[in-house]
Amino acid sequence: GHTSYITHIDFSADSRMLASNCGASEILYWDVPNKTQLRARAEMPQDPNDPRTWGRMTCVLGFPVMGIWPDFSDGTDVNALHVNQEGDICVTADDFGEVKLFNFPCVTEDAAFRAYRGHSSFVNNVAFVNGDSHVISCGSADLTVMQWKFTYDVDVLKPMKNAMKLFSGVNAFKTASKGALRKEAQVLKGSSAASKFMKGYGEE
């Protein structure tokens, strides 16, 4: 099926379908019971573009996560992705040493995000723990595993320094413009997705 090495796979919520990504930026779908590739939408038991199909998605390629990719990306810059249990936030790990939070599904170009820096090199993997209380990220050359506390905040425009601090207490928070956040907050008014932040483990 694929023309390059496999990078990510996801089972559908009912385990009947499998989605796979590869190093050539291909997205393929598979029929698990019949062990065959699904080539047409009519063959698929569920809509592959519906984020509910995949549950806690980890594939970095696909319609529900098309907005996580930065401009001029070569298709390998985002190394890992995980969706939280509520299904409204996804976290990514990238080649720029950053752990990022996006709203999920993330289908808009140049989607707003919050980025957290702590690793000194590529971040190879990232995932929410069971219950979403923390996020675990794994570095590459820095040989570091970091634990981040995932918390809630009632004000999406709270000063940035209170949104995320690393173990050292140094502010490592980067975000989109405040205007973009206001626009995002208006769209998400009444949704808990607009009020979620991460703090470095050990912060109160």
Protein backbone atom coordinates (compact mmCIF):
# COMPACT_ATOMS: atom_id res chain seq x y z
CA GLY A 1 0.00 0.00 0.00
CA HIS A 2 2.35 2.70 1.22
CA THR A 3 5.35 3.88 -0.77
CA SER A 4 7.38 4.78 2.32
CA TYR A 5 7.86 3.81 5.98
CA ILE A 6 4.81 3.80 8.26
CA THR A 7 4.74 6.64 10.79
CA HIS A 8 1.33 6.44 12.51
CA ILE A 9 -1.75 4.22 12.70
CA ASP A 10 -5.21 4.65 14.22
CA PHE A 11 -8.04 2.20 14.71
CA SER A 12 -11.57 3.49 14.33
CA ALA A 13 -13.68 3.58 17.48
CA ASP A 14 -15.36 0.30 16.48
CA SER A 15 -12.04 -1.27 15.36
CA ARG A 16 -13.38 -2.03 11.88
CA MET A 17 -11.19 0.51 10.09
CA LEU A 18 -7.52 1.39 10.26
CA ALA A 19 -5.90 4.63 9.13
CA SER A 20 -2.18 4.77 8.40
CA ASN A 21 0.28 7.57 7.59
CA CYS A 22 3.69 7.20 6.00
CA GLY A 23 6.88 9.13 5.31
CA ALA A 24 5.60 10.05 1.86
CA SER A 25 2.67 11.95 3.46
CA GLU A 26 0.16 9.34 2.35
CA ILE A 27 -3.08 8.54 4.20
CA LEU A 28 -4.47 5.06 3.57
CA TYR A 29 -7.51 3.33 5.04
CA TRP A 30 -7.93 -0.36 5.69
CA ASP A 31 -10.73 -2.83 6.33
CA VAL A 32 -9.59 -4.68 9.45
CA PRO A 33 -11.88 -7.76 9.31
CA ASN A 34 -11.24 -8.34 5.61
CA LYS A 35 -7.56 -7.28 5.65
CA THR A 36 -7.98 -5.14 2.54
CA GLN A 37 -7.33 -1.55 1.59
CA LEU A 38 -10.34 0.76 1.34
CA ARG A 39 -9.92 2.83 -1.79
CA ALA A 40 -13.32 4.51 -2.16
CA ARG A 41 -15.50 6.34 0.33
CA ALA A 42 -18.42 4.08 -0.58
CA GLU A 43 -16.45 1.08 0.70
CA MET A 44 -15.85 2.62 4.12
CA PRO A 45 -18.20 1.74 6.99
CA GLN A 46 -17.61 5.18 8.55
CA ASP A 47 -16.64 8.64 7.35
CA PRO A 48 -12.82 8.97 7.65
CA ASN A 49 -13.14 12.77 7.81
CA ASP A 50 -15.37 12.65 10.88
CA PRO A 51 -13.18 13.06 14.00
CA ARG A 52 -15.59 10.88 15.96
CA THR A 53 -14.61 7.95 13.76
CA TRP A 54 -11.11 7.80 15.26
CA GLY A 55 -11.69 8.55 18.93
CA ARG A 56 -8.39 9.60 20.51
CA MET A 57 -6.64 10.19 17.22
CA THR A 58 -2.84 9.90 16.92
CA CYS A 59 -2.31 10.17 13.15
CA VAL A 60 -0.76 13.50 12.18
CA LEU A 61 -2.28 13.43 8.69
CA GLY A 62 -6.01 13.61 8.04
CA PHE A 63 -8.84 16.07 7.66
CA PRO A 64 -9.52 16.46 11.42
CA VAL A 65 -5.93 17.64 12.02
CA MET A 66 -5.04 19.48 8.82
CA GLY A 67 -4.65 22.75 10.76
CA ILE A 68 -1.74 21.56 12.93
CA TRP A 69 0.80 21.92 10.12
CA PRO A 70 2.86 25.13 9.98
CA ASP A 71 3.46 27.05 6.79
CA PHE A 72 6.19 25.63 4.53
CA SER A 73 6.18 22.32 6.37
CA ASP A 74 7.87 19.42 4.61
CA GLY A 75 5.44 16.84 5.98
CA THR A 76 7.81 15.57 8.67
CA ASP A 77 7.84 18.52 11.09
CA VAL A 78 5.05 17.18 13.32
CA ASN A 79 6.15 13.94 14.95
CA ALA A 80 3.24 12.98 17.19
CA LEU A 81 -0.32 13.91 18.10
CA HIS A 82 -2.84 12.82 20.72
CA VAL A 83 -6.43 13.85 21.39
CA ASN A 84 -7.69 14.19 24.95
CA GLN A 85 -10.53 12.11 26.35
CA GLU A 86 -13.10 14.88 25.95
CA GLY A 87 -12.19 15.10 22.28
CA ASP A 88 -11.84 18.88 22.15
CA ILE A 89 -8.07 19.39 22.48
CA CYS A 90 -5.10 17.80 20.72
CA VAL A 91 -1.45 18.01 21.69
CA THR A 92 1.43 17.75 19.21
CA ALA A 93 5.20 17.21 19.32
CA ASP A 94 7.38 18.73 16.61
CA ASP A 95 10.88 19.19 15.21
CA PHE A 96 11.12 22.68 16.69
CA GLY A 97 11.37 21.42 20.25
CA GLU A 98 7.81 22.46 21.08
CA VAL A 99 4.75 20.83 22.59
CA LYS A 100 1.61 22.51 21.22
CA LEU A 101 -2.07 22.56 22.10
CA PHE A 102 -4.74 23.00 19.44
CA ASN A 103 -8.51 22.88 19.54
CA PHE A 104 -9.82 19.63 18.07
CA PRO A 105 -10.87 19.07 15.39
CA CYS A 106 -8.30 21.44 13.90
CA VAL A 107 -9.27 22.10 10.30
CA THR A 108 -8.53 25.79 9.75
CA GLU A 109 -5.40 27.13 8.09
CA ASP A 110 -3.00 28.83 10.52
CA ALA A 111 -5.05 27.59 13.47
CA ALA A 112 -4.39 29.29 16.81
CA PHE A 113 -2.29 27.26 19.22
CA ARG A 114 -0.35 27.45 22.44
CA ALA A 115 3.26 26.27 22.30
CA TYR A 116 5.42 25.17 25.23
CA ARG A 117 9.19 24.92 25.10
CA GLY A 118 11.31 22.84 27.40
CA HIS A 119 13.04 20.28 25.20
CA SER A 120 16.36 21.29 23.66
CA SER A 121 15.87 19.21 20.53
CA PHE A 122 13.18 17.45 18.50
CA VAL A 123 10.18 16.22 20.50
CA ASN A 124 9.58 12.67 19.31
CA ASN A 125 6.35 11.76 21.07
CA VAL A 126 3.61 13.18 23.25
CA ALA A 127 0.44 11.85 24.88
CA PHE A 128 -2.20 12.64 27.46
CA VAL A 129 -2.21 10.33 30.46
CA ASN A 130 -5.41 8.51 31.35
CA GLY A 131 -7.81 11.11 32.71
CA ASP A 132 -6.04 14.00 30.94
CA SER A 133 -4.50 15.37 34.14
CA HIS A 134 -1.02 15.44 32.61
CA VAL A 135 0.78 15.30 29.28
CA ILE A 136 3.98 13.30 28.79
CA SER A 137 6.49 14.36 26.13
CA CYS A 138 9.63 12.53 25.02
CA GLY A 139 12.62 14.33 23.58
CA SER A 140 15.24 12.99 21.19
CA ALA A 141 18.83 14.18 21.50
CA ASP A 142 18.16 15.69 24.93
CA LEU A 143 17.19 12.22 26.25
CA THR A 144 14.44 13.85 28.31
CA VAL A 145 10.96 12.81 29.35
CA MET A 146 8.85 15.74 30.58
CA GLN A 147 5.60 15.73 32.52
CA TRP A 148 3.22 18.67 32.05
CA LYS A 149 0.21 19.42 34.21
CA PHE A 150 -2.92 19.99 32.13
CA THR A 151 -5.22 22.43 33.92
CA TYR A 152 -8.29 24.59 33.38
CA ASP A 153 -8.57 28.35 33.43
CA VAL A 154 -11.77 30.38 33.30
CA ASP A 155 -10.22 33.28 31.37
CA VAL A 156 -8.69 32.53 27.98
CA LEU A 157 -6.98 35.95 27.98
CA LYS A 158 -5.33 35.55 31.38
CA PRO A 159 -1.74 36.84 31.37
CA MET A 160 0.47 34.44 29.48
CA LYS A 161 2.89 33.89 32.33
CA ASN A 162 0.14 32.16 34.33
CA ALA A 163 -0.74 29.81 31.48
CA MET A 164 2.40 27.68 31.46
CA LYS A 165 5.66 27.47 33.39
CA LEU A 166 8.28 24.75 33.25
CA PHE A 167 10.06 23.07 36.12
CA SER A 168 12.52 25.94 36.36
CA GLY A 169 9.71 28.47 36.63
CA VAL A 170 10.89 30.27 33.51
CA ASN A 171 8.07 31.49 31.32
CA ALA A 172 8.16 29.40 28.16
CA PHE A 173 4.77 30.32 26.76
CA LYS A 174 4.22 31.29 23.15
CA THR A 175 0.89 31.86 21.48
CA ALA A 176 -0.97 33.45 18.62
CA SER A 177 -1.86 37.15 18.80
CA LYS A 178 -4.31 38.31 21.45
CA GLY A 179 -6.69 39.37 18.69
CA ALA A 180 -6.68 35.83 17.32
CA LEU A 181 -7.34 34.47 20.80
CA ARG A 182 -10.30 36.83 21.27
CA LYS A 183 -11.72 35.63 17.97
CA GLU A 184 -11.15 32.02 19.02
CA ALA A 185 -12.78 32.67 22.39
CA GLN A 186 -15.87 34.13 20.71
CA VAL A 187 -16.20 31.08 18.49
CA LEU A 188 -15.79 28.79 21.47
CA LYS A 189 -17.93 30.82 23.87
CA GLY A 190 -19.56 28.44 26.27
CA SER A 191 -17.12 25.66 25.44
CA SER A 192 -14.52 24.37 27.89
CA ALA A 193 -12.09 24.06 24.99
CA ALA A 194 -11.37 27.79 25.17
CA SER A 195 -10.21 27.60 28.76
CA LYS A 196 -7.66 24.84 28.85
CA PHE A 197 -4.00 25.38 29.57
CA MET A 198 -0.94 23.39 30.54
CA LYS A 199 1.44 24.14 33.38
CA GLY A 200 4.83 22.68 34.07
CA TYR A 201 4.65 19.92 36.65
CA GLY A 202 5.11 21.21 40.16
CA GLU A 203 3.45 24.59 39.58
CA GLU A 204 0.50 25.52 41.75
